[in-house]
Amino acid sequence: MAGQIIRLICPNLLCRTILSVPAGARGKDVRCRACGAKVRIPAPAVKPAPAKGAADGKADDAAKAEKKAG
């Protein structure tokens, strides 16, 4: 993640400056250098882990289908 830059627009409608902040600032507040507005940098999106039961259910369905066929 080193060296990554996040770009976003200042939420102040009179400013709308493009802000460039390091990826390490995710989840923190920064100030726009142009107008001083406080901007919250979005936290990284967390992908939900697949449900354990969902994967097991598919395997059980396949085993049942094989028993019926054989």
N, C-alpha and C. Protein backbone atom coordinates (compact mmCIF):
# COMPACT_ATOMS: atom_id res chain seq x y z
N MET A 1 0.83 -1.19 0.00
CA MET A 1 0.00 0.00 0.00
C MET A 1 0.88 1.25 0.00
N ALA A 2 2.15 1.09 0.20
CA ALA A 2 3.04 2.23 0.25
C ALA A 2 3.06 2.95 -1.09
N GLY A 3 3.00 4.27 -1.03
CA GLY A 3 3.06 5.06 -2.23
C GLY A 3 1.71 5.31 -2.89
N GLN A 4 0.64 4.73 -2.39
CA GLN A 4 -0.66 4.94 -2.99
C GLN A 4 -1.24 6.28 -2.55
N ILE A 5 -1.92 6.93 -3.46
CA ILE A 5 -2.53 8.23 -3.20
C ILE A 5 -4.03 8.11 -3.39
N ILE A 6 -4.78 8.74 -2.49
CA ILE A 6 -6.23 8.80 -2.60
C ILE A 6 -6.58 10.21 -3.07
N ARG A 7 -7.41 10.31 -4.08
CA ARG A 7 -7.84 11.62 -4.57
C ARG A 7 -9.34 11.75 -4.34
N LEU A 8 -9.73 12.90 -3.78
CA LEU A 8 -11.13 13.18 -3.57
C LEU A 8 -11.35 14.68 -3.67
N ILE A 9 -12.59 15.07 -3.77
CA ILE A 9 -12.94 16.48 -3.93
C ILE A 9 -13.39 17.04 -2.58
N CYS A 10 -12.93 18.25 -2.28
CA CYS A 10 -13.35 18.93 -1.05
C CYS A 10 -14.87 19.06 -1.06
N PRO A 11 -15.53 18.71 0.04
CA PRO A 11 -17.00 18.77 0.08
C PRO A 11 -17.56 20.19 0.15
N ASN A 12 -16.72 21.20 0.39
CA ASN A 12 -17.17 22.59 0.43
C ASN A 12 -17.57 23.00 -0.99
N LEU A 13 -18.84 23.32 -1.19
CA LEU A 13 -19.33 23.64 -2.53
C LEU A 13 -18.69 24.89 -3.13
N LEU A 14 -18.15 25.77 -2.31
CA LEU A 14 -17.47 26.96 -2.82
C LEU A 14 -16.00 26.70 -3.13
N CYS A 15 -15.48 25.56 -2.73
CA CYS A 15 -14.06 25.24 -2.90
C CYS A 15 -13.87 24.20 -4.01
N ARG A 16 -14.34 22.98 -3.78
CA ARG A 16 -14.28 21.86 -4.71
C ARG A 16 -12.85 21.56 -5.20
N THR A 17 -11.85 21.81 -4.36
CA THR A 17 -10.46 21.51 -4.69
C THR A 17 -10.24 20.00 -4.66
N ILE A 18 -9.41 19.51 -5.57
CA ILE A 18 -9.07 18.09 -5.58
C ILE A 18 -7.97 17.87 -4.54
N LEU A 19 -8.25 17.00 -3.58
CA LEU A 19 -7.31 16.70 -2.51
C LEU A 19 -6.59 15.39 -2.83
N SER A 20 -5.30 15.36 -2.58
CA SER A 20 -4.50 14.15 -2.73
C SER A 20 -3.90 13.83 -1.38
N VAL A 21 -4.27 12.68 -0.82
CA VAL A 21 -3.78 12.30 0.50
C VAL A 21 -3.20 10.88 0.43
N PRO A 22 -2.24 10.56 1.30
CA PRO A 22 -1.68 9.21 1.30
C PRO A 22 -2.72 8.19 1.76
N ALA A 23 -2.58 6.97 1.28
CA ALA A 23 -3.52 5.90 1.64
C ALA A 23 -3.53 5.64 3.14
N GLY A 24 -2.46 5.97 3.83
CA GLY A 24 -2.40 5.77 5.28
C GLY A 24 -3.36 6.67 6.04
N ALA A 25 -3.94 7.66 5.37
CA ALA A 25 -4.88 8.58 6.02
C ALA A 25 -6.31 8.05 6.02
N ARG A 26 -6.52 6.85 5.50
CA ARG A 26 -7.89 6.30 5.46
C ARG A 26 -8.48 6.21 6.87
N GLY A 27 -9.73 6.65 6.98
CA GLY A 27 -10.43 6.61 8.26
C GLY A 27 -10.12 7.79 9.16
N LYS A 28 -9.31 8.73 8.69
CA LYS A 28 -8.93 9.90 9.50
C LYS A 28 -9.53 11.17 8.91
N ASP A 29 -9.47 12.24 9.71
CA ASP A 29 -9.92 13.55 9.26
C ASP A 29 -8.71 14.36 8.82
N VAL A 30 -8.86 15.07 7.70
CA VAL A 30 -7.83 15.99 7.22
C VAL A 30 -8.50 17.33 6.94
N ARG A 31 -7.71 18.35 6.76
CA ARG A 31 -8.25 19.67 6.43
C ARG A 31 -7.84 20.04 5.02
N CYS A 32 -8.76 20.63 4.29
CA CYS A 32 -8.48 21.12 2.95
C CYS A 32 -7.56 22.32 3.09
N ARG A 33 -6.45 22.32 2.36
CA ARG A 33 -5.50 23.44 2.44
C ARG A 33 -6.06 24.71 1.83
N ALA A 34 -7.00 24.58 0.91
CA ALA A 34 -7.54 25.75 0.24
C ALA A 34 -8.57 26.50 1.08
N CYS A 35 -9.46 25.76 1.74
CA CYS A 35 -10.54 26.44 2.48
C CYS A 35 -10.60 26.10 3.96
N GLY A 36 -9.86 25.07 4.39
CA GLY A 36 -9.85 24.69 5.80
C GLY A 36 -10.98 23.75 6.21
N ALA A 37 -11.77 23.29 5.26
CA ALA A 37 -12.87 22.38 5.59
C ALA A 37 -12.33 21.05 6.08
N LYS A 38 -13.02 20.48 7.06
CA LYS A 38 -12.65 19.17 7.60
C LYS A 38 -13.23 18.09 6.69
N VAL A 39 -12.36 17.16 6.27
CA VAL A 39 -12.77 16.10 5.34
C VAL A 39 -12.42 14.76 5.95
N ARG A 40 -13.39 13.85 6.01
CA ARG A 40 -13.15 12.49 6.50
C ARG A 40 -12.74 11.63 5.30
N ILE A 41 -11.57 11.01 5.39
CA ILE A 41 -11.10 10.12 4.33
C ILE A 41 -11.78 8.77 4.54
N PRO A 42 -12.43 8.23 3.52
CA PRO A 42 -13.15 6.95 3.69
C PRO A 42 -12.22 5.82 4.12
N ALA A 43 -12.72 5.00 5.03
CA ALA A 43 -11.97 3.82 5.48
C ALA A 43 -11.97 2.79 4.35
N PRO A 44 -10.99 1.90 4.33
CA PRO A 44 -10.97 0.88 3.28
C PRO A 44 -12.19 -0.02 3.38
N ALA A 45 -12.70 -0.42 2.24
CA ALA A 45 -13.86 -1.31 2.21
C ALA A 45 -13.44 -2.70 2.67
N VAL A 46 -14.22 -3.26 3.59
CA VAL A 46 -13.93 -4.60 4.10
C VAL A 46 -14.90 -5.55 3.43
N LYS A 47 -14.34 -6.53 2.72
CA LYS A 47 -15.18 -7.52 2.05
C LYS A 47 -15.61 -8.57 3.07
N PRO A 48 -16.91 -8.85 3.15
CA PRO A 48 -17.36 -9.86 4.11
C PRO A 48 -16.87 -11.25 3.71
N ALA A 49 -16.49 -12.02 4.70
CA ALA A 49 -16.04 -13.39 4.46
C ALA A 49 -17.25 -14.23 4.06
N PRO A 50 -17.07 -15.16 3.12
CA PRO A 50 -18.20 -16.00 2.74
C PRO A 50 -18.65 -16.85 3.93
N ALA A 51 -19.94 -17.03 4.01
CA ALA A 51 -20.50 -17.81 5.12
C ALA A 51 -20.04 -19.26 5.00
N LYS A 52 -19.59 -19.83 6.10
CA LYS A 52 -19.08 -21.20 6.08
C LYS A 52 -20.18 -22.19 5.70
N GLY A 53 -21.37 -21.96 6.19
CA GLY A 53 -22.49 -22.87 5.91
C GLY A 53 -22.87 -22.88 4.44
N ALA A 54 -22.70 -21.76 3.73
CA ALA A 54 -23.07 -21.69 2.32
C ALA A 54 -22.19 -22.60 1.49
N ALA A 55 -20.91 -22.63 1.75
CA ALA A 55 -19.99 -23.48 0.98
C ALA A 55 -20.25 -24.95 1.30
N ASP A 56 -20.49 -25.26 2.57
CA ASP A 56 -20.75 -26.64 2.96
C ASP A 56 -22.05 -27.15 2.35
N GLY A 57 -23.03 -26.30 2.25
CA GLY A 57 -24.31 -26.70 1.70
C GLY A 57 -24.20 -27.12 0.25
N LYS A 58 -23.37 -26.43 -0.51
CA LYS A 58 -23.19 -26.79 -1.92
C LYS A 58 -22.53 -28.16 -2.05
N ALA A 59 -21.58 -28.45 -1.19
CA ALA A 59 -20.90 -29.75 -1.23
C ALA A 59 -21.90 -30.86 -0.86
N ASP A 60 -22.76 -30.62 0.12
CA ASP A 60 -23.75 -31.61 0.52
C ASP A 60 -24.75 -31.86 -0.62
N ASP A 61 -25.15 -30.79 -1.32
CA ASP A 61 -26.08 -30.95 -2.45
C ASP A 61 -25.44 -31.78 -3.56
N ALA A 62 -24.16 -31.58 -3.82
CA ALA A 62 -23.48 -32.34 -4.87
C ALA A 62 -23.38 -33.81 -4.47
N ALA A 63 -23.11 -34.08 -3.20
CA ALA A 63 -23.01 -35.47 -2.72
C ALA A 63 -24.37 -36.15 -2.83
N LYS A 64 -25.45 -35.45 -2.52
CA LYS A 64 -26.78 -36.02 -2.62
C LYS A 64 -27.12 -36.34 -4.07
N ALA A 65 -26.73 -35.45 -4.99
CA ALA A 65 -27.01 -35.66 -6.41
C ALA A 65 -26.27 -36.87 -6.92
N GLU A 66 -25.04 -37.09 -6.45
CA GLU A 66 -24.27 -38.26 -6.88
C GLU A 66 -24.91 -39.55 -6.38
N LYS A 67 -25.42 -39.54 -5.14
CA LYS A 67 -26.06 -40.73 -4.58
C LYS A 67 -27.31 -41.09 -5.39
N LYS A 68 -28.09 -40.06 -5.80
CA LYS A 68 -29.30 -40.32 -6.58
C LYS A 68 -28.96 -40.87 -7.94
N ALA A 69 -27.88 -40.36 -8.55
CA ALA A 69 -27.47 -40.79 -9.89
C ALA A 69 -26.88 -42.19 -9.87
N GLY A 70 -26.18 -42.55 -8.78
CA GLY A 70 -25.43 -43.79 -8.74
C GLY A 70 -26.11 -44.85 -8.03
